[in-house]
Structure formats: structure tokens, C-alpha cells
C-alpha atoms as a PDB file:
ATOM      1  CA  MET A   1      21.909  -6.470-156.982  1.00  0.00           C
ATOM      2  CA  ASP A   2      18.768  -7.355-154.542  1.00  0.00           C
ATOM      3  CA  GLY A   3      15.503  -6.572-156.728  1.00  0.00           C
ATOM      4  CA  LEU A   4      12.541  -4.873-156.079  1.00  0.00           C
ATOM      5  CA  ALA A   5      10.400  -7.199-154.269  1.00  0.00           C
ATOM      6  CA  LYS A   6      10.601  -5.364-150.594  1.00  0.00           C
ATOM      7  CA  GLN A   7      10.032  -2.468-152.789  1.00  0.00           C
ATOM      8  CA  ARG A   8       6.737  -2.393-153.312  1.00  0.00           C
ATOM      9  CA  GLY A   9       4.922   1.192-152.526  1.00  0.00           C
ATOM     10  CA  LYS A  10       8.255   2.372-152.163  1.00  0.00           C
ATOM     11  CA  LEU A  11       9.886   3.306-154.719  1.00  0.00           C
ATOM     12  CA  PRO A  12      10.006   7.419-155.978  1.00  0.00           C
ATOM     13  CA  TRP A  13       8.049   8.443-158.529  1.00  0.00           C
ATOM     14  CA  PRO A  14      11.136   8.588-161.935  1.00  0.00           C
ATOM     15  CA  ILE A  15       9.451  12.947-162.550  1.00  0.00           C
ATOM     16  CA  LYS A  16       7.049  14.610-160.557  1.00  0.00           C
ATOM     17  CA  GLY A  17       4.029  15.419-162.567  1.00  0.00           C
ATOM     18  CA  ARG A  18       0.096  13.981-163.770  1.00  0.00           C
ATOM     19  CA  VAL A  19      -0.520  10.719-165.078  1.00  0.00           C
ATOM     20  CA  LEU A  20      -1.525  10.918-168.507  1.00  0.00           C
ATOM     21  CA  HIS A  21      -2.144   7.594-169.213  1.00  0.00           C
ATOM     22  CA  SER A  22      -2.348   4.207-166.229  1.00  0.00           C
ATOM     23  CA  TYR A  23      -1.338   1.237-166.897  1.00  0.00           C
ATOM     24  CA  GLY A  24      -3.935  -1.432-168.850  1.00  0.00           C
ATOM     25  CA  SER A  25      -5.503   1.375-170.108  1.00  0.00           C
ATOM     26  CA  THR A  26      -6.943   1.548-173.713  1.00  0.00           C
ATOM     27  CA  GLN A  27      -3.868   2.986-175.988  1.00  0.00           C
ATOM     28  CA  GLY A  28      -5.236   4.096-179.262  1.00  0.00           C
ATOM     29  CA  GLY A  29      -8.400   1.753-179.399  1.00  0.00           C
ATOM     30  CA  GLN A  30      -6.255  -1.375-179.398  1.00  0.00           C
ATOM     31  CA  ALA A  31      -3.309  -2.272-177.035  1.00  0.00           C
ATOM     32  CA  ASP A  32      -3.200  -2.047-173.171  1.00  0.00           C
ATOM     33  CA  TRP A  33      -0.739   0.436-172.340  1.00  0.00           C
ATOM     34  CA  LYS A  34       1.527  -1.771-170.707  1.00  0.00           C
ATOM     35  CA  GLY A  35       3.147   1.079-168.549  1.00  0.00           C
ATOM     36  CA  MET A  36       2.719   4.328-167.434  1.00  0.00           C
ATOM     37  CA  VAL A  37       3.187   7.888-168.998  1.00  0.00           C
ATOM     38  CA  ILE A  38       3.791  10.795-166.887  1.00  0.00           C
ATOM     39  CA  ASN A  39       3.637  14.861-167.752  1.00  0.00           C
ATOM     40  CA  ALA A  40       6.314  16.776-167.519  1.00  0.00           C
ATOM     41  CA  ASN A  41       8.556  19.977-168.847  1.00  0.00           C
ATOM     42  CA  TYR A  42      11.084  19.757-171.585  1.00  0.00           C
ATOM     43  CA  GLU A  43      14.198  18.174-170.419  1.00  0.00           C
ATOM     44  CA  GLN A  44      12.576  17.741-167.064  1.00  0.00           C
ATOM     45  CA  PRO A  45      15.442  15.343-165.143  1.00  0.00           C
ATOM     46  CA  VAL A  46      14.319  11.751-165.009  1.00  0.00           C
ATOM     47  CA  LYS A  47      15.346   9.682-162.222  1.00  0.00           C
ATOM     48  CA  ALA A  48      16.013   6.260-161.360  1.00  0.00           C
ATOM     49  CA  VAL A  49      13.635   4.960-158.947  1.00  0.00           C
ATOM     50  CA  TYR A  50      15.875   2.455-157.662  1.00  0.00           C
ATOM     51  CA  PRO A  51      19.748   1.690-157.852  1.00  0.00           C
ATOM     52  CA  GLY A  52      21.004  -1.018-160.503  1.00  0.00           C
ATOM     53  CA  LYS A  53      22.930  -0.830-164.151  1.00  0.00           C
ATOM     54  CA  VAL A  54      21.752   0.736-167.467  1.00  0.00           C
ATOM     55  CA  VAL A  55      21.718  -2.392-170.082  1.00  0.00           C
ATOM     56  CA  PHE A  56      19.784  -0.236-172.928  1.00  0.00           C
ATOM     57  CA  ALA A  57      20.520   2.842-173.708  1.00  0.00           C
ATOM     58  CA  ASP A  58      19.129   4.117-177.194  1.00  0.00           C
ATOM     59  CA  TYR A  59      16.242   4.523-179.217  1.00  0.00           C
ATOM     60  CA  LEU A  60      13.375   2.349-179.740  1.00  0.00           C
ATOM     61  CA  ARG A  61      10.260   2.985-181.953  1.00  0.00           C
ATOM     62  CA  GLY A  62       7.237   3.548-180.293  1.00  0.00           C
ATOM     63  CA  TYR A  63       9.241   5.024-177.001  1.00  0.00           C
ATOM     64  CA  GLY A  64      11.420   7.306-178.699  1.00  0.00           C
ATOM     65  CA  LEU A  65      15.164   7.283-176.521  1.00  0.00           C
ATOM     66  CA  VAL A  66      14.961   4.651-173.823  1.00  0.00           C
ATOM     67  CA  MET A  67      17.072   3.255-170.308  1.00  0.00           C
ATOM     68  CA  LEU A  68      16.457   0.461-169.349  1.00  0.00           C
ATOM     69  CA  ILE A  69      17.589  -0.299-166.222  1.00  0.00           C
ATOM     70  CA  ASP A  70      18.198  -3.880-164.295  1.00  0.00           C
ATOM     71  CA  HIS A  71      17.565  -3.670-160.513  1.00  0.00           C
ATOM     72  CA  GLY A  72      18.984  -7.887-160.424  1.00  0.00           C
ATOM     73  CA  LYS A  73      16.483 -11.046-159.793  1.00  0.00           C
ATOM     74  CA  GLY A  74      14.937 -10.424-162.932  1.00  0.00           C
ATOM     75  CA  ASP A  75      13.531  -6.730-162.072  1.00  0.00           C
ATOM     76  CA  MET A  76      13.452  -3.654-164.648  1.00  0.00           C
ATOM     77  CA  THR A  77      12.720  -0.104-164.787  1.00  0.00           C
ATOM     78  CA  LEU A  78      12.517   1.479-168.505  1.00  0.00           C
ATOM     79  CA  TYR A  79      11.911   5.031-168.953  1.00  0.00           C
ATOM     80  CA  GLY A  80      10.379   6.411-172.530  1.00  0.00           C
ATOM     81  CA  TYR A  81       9.737   9.550-174.980  1.00  0.00           C
ATOM     82  CA  ASN A  82      13.310  11.174-173.251  1.00  0.00           C
ATOM     83  CA  GLN A  83      14.738  14.055-175.299  1.00  0.00           C
ATOM     84  CA  VAL A  84      18.186  13.149-173.689  1.00  0.00           C
ATOM     85  CA  LEU A  85      19.559  10.090-172.143  1.00  0.00           C
ATOM     86  CA  THR A  86      22.727  11.215-169.299  1.00  0.00           C
ATOM     87  CA  LYS A  87      23.774   7.782-169.042  1.00  0.00           C
ATOM     88  CA  LYS A  88      25.188   4.902-171.410  1.00  0.00           C
ATOM     89  CA  GLU A  89      25.000   1.211-171.412  1.00  0.00           C
ATOM     90  CA  GLY A  90      26.854  -0.718-168.933  1.00  0.00           C
ATOM     91  CA  ASP A  91      26.451   2.295-166.240  1.00  0.00           C
ATOM     92  CA  LYS A  92      25.509   1.521-162.825  1.00  0.00           C
ATOM     93  CA  VAL A  93      23.172   3.640-161.241  1.00  0.00           C
ATOM     94  CA  THR A  94      21.754   4.898-157.938  1.00  0.00           C
ATOM     95  CA  ALA A  95      17.981   5.726-156.938  1.00  0.00           C
ATOM     96  CA  GLY A  96      17.360   9.838-157.638  1.00  0.00           C
ATOM     97  CA  GLU A  97      20.123   9.852-159.786  1.00  0.00           C
ATOM     98  CA  THR A  98      19.283  11.598-162.813  1.00  0.00           C
ATOM     99  CA  ILE A  99      19.172   9.778-165.845  1.00  0.00           C
ATOM    100  CA  ALA A 100      17.969  11.502-168.697  1.00  0.00           C
ATOM    101  CA  LEU A 101      15.477  14.190-169.247  1.00  0.00           C
ATOM    102  CA  ALA A 102      11.908  14.390-170.560  1.00  0.00           C
ATOM    103  CA  GLY A 103      10.963  15.175-173.950  1.00  0.00           C
ATOM    104  CA  ASP A 104       8.731  13.925-176.707  1.00  0.00           C
ATOM    105  CA  THR A 105      10.451  11.203-178.515  1.00  0.00           C
ATOM    106  CA  GLY A 106       8.637   8.006-179.712  1.00  0.00           C
ATOM    107  CA  GLY A 107       5.969  10.403-181.617  1.00  0.00           C
ATOM    108  CA  GLN A 108       4.884  12.270-178.732  1.00  0.00           C
ATOM    109  CA  SER A 109       2.322  15.716-179.335  1.00  0.00           C
ATOM    110  CA  ARG A 110       3.686  16.366-175.605  1.00  0.00           C
ATOM    111  CA  ALA A 111       6.742  16.675-173.121  1.00  0.00           C
ATOM    112  CA  SER A 112       6.349  13.453-171.014  1.00  0.00           C
ATOM    113  CA  VAL A 113       8.037  10.197-169.566  1.00  0.00           C
ATOM    114  CA  TYR A 114       6.875   6.708-170.121  1.00  0.00           C
ATOM    115  CA  PHE A 115       7.693   4.710-167.213  1.00  0.00           C
ATOM    116  CA  GLU A 116       7.407   0.678-167.179  1.00  0.00           C
ATOM    117  CA  LEU A 117       8.009  -2.042-165.068  1.00  0.00           C
ATOM    118  CA  ARG A 118       8.632  -5.563-165.344  1.00  0.00           C
ATOM    119  CA  ARG A 119       9.470  -8.590-163.287  1.00  0.00           C
ATOM    120  CA  ASN A 120      10.740 -11.467-164.677  1.00  0.00           C
ATOM    121  CA  SER A 121       9.696 -10.470-168.429  1.00  0.00           C
ATOM    122  CA  ARG A 122       6.030  -9.305-167.553  1.00  0.00           C
ATOM    123  CA  THR A 123       4.933  -6.029-166.780  1.00  0.00           C
ATOM    124  CA  GLU A 124       3.188  -4.969-163.556  1.00  0.00           C
ATOM    125  CA  ASN A 125       1.355  -1.717-162.324  1.00  0.00           C
ATOM    126  CA  PRO A 126       4.427   0.460-161.885  1.00  0.00           C
ATOM    127  CA  GLN A 127       2.154   2.659-159.409  1.00  0.00           C
ATOM    128  CA  ARG A 128       1.430   0.226-156.937  1.00  0.00           C
ATOM    129  CA  TRP A 129       5.282   0.229-156.684  1.00  0.00           C
ATOM    130  CA  LEU A 130       5.711   4.223-156.201  1.00  0.00           C
ATOM    131  CA  THR A 131       4.995   6.357-153.233  1.00  0.00           C
ATOM    132  CA  ARG A 132       1.923   7.145-152.844  1.00  0.00           C
END
């Protein structure tokens, strides 16, 4: 797996929708968002933004049903608030492949997708990595 280094500004969006919360914006007056939240319809397909291997696919408090994909070289993407996970730990995925169906798990009031991008364990603004 070759990592995301050459993909800045080229990755497809995991789901089509309006950004509800941007990276770094305040969350409940306390912590900053470490990712972004994208509005979605219930059970709208959530797509992998780049090829990789599923390293976590389960419920995570505060994030609901989560899919974590390792893209190599310390690069990972996290997809949260899903209603259904369509892949399991150990599965290999391709870019654009459906990995989950959007939902409101993790205590959300509406269907949405939480999307986070990590490079060497540090979060980065995912919008800088997605196509405009």
C-alpha cells in the first residue's frame, strides 16, 4: 500500500452531501472537530476514498459504527456514524467501493457521516485532500 502522499486534493468524497461541521470547528463549545461531518440520507452508500485494508469495523463510543481503513505508510481514513458496515476487519477495499451505509449511530440527531484523515496518527483537514 502506497499511502496518500500524492493524493492531496485528488481523493473522491466518501459521500455526496453538505458539510455540517468542518475540521477544527468547535464541538459543543469544548473540543475541536478532528474530522468533518457530511450530511447524508439514511442508508446512502459510503465509499472508500482510496484503496486499503479495513483494520477496524465495529461500534466506537461517540462515533457509532466505524470503519477504519489503513492506506499504508501511516495513512488512515475513518468513517463514522454509519447505520450498516458492509466490510469487516481484514477486508481489502478499492477506491469508490461501498464500505458502509450512512446513519445516525453515535448519538447523532440526523443521518450523516463523520470522516477523518490521519497521517502518522495525526489528524489533518480532510477537505484539503478531497476534490473540490
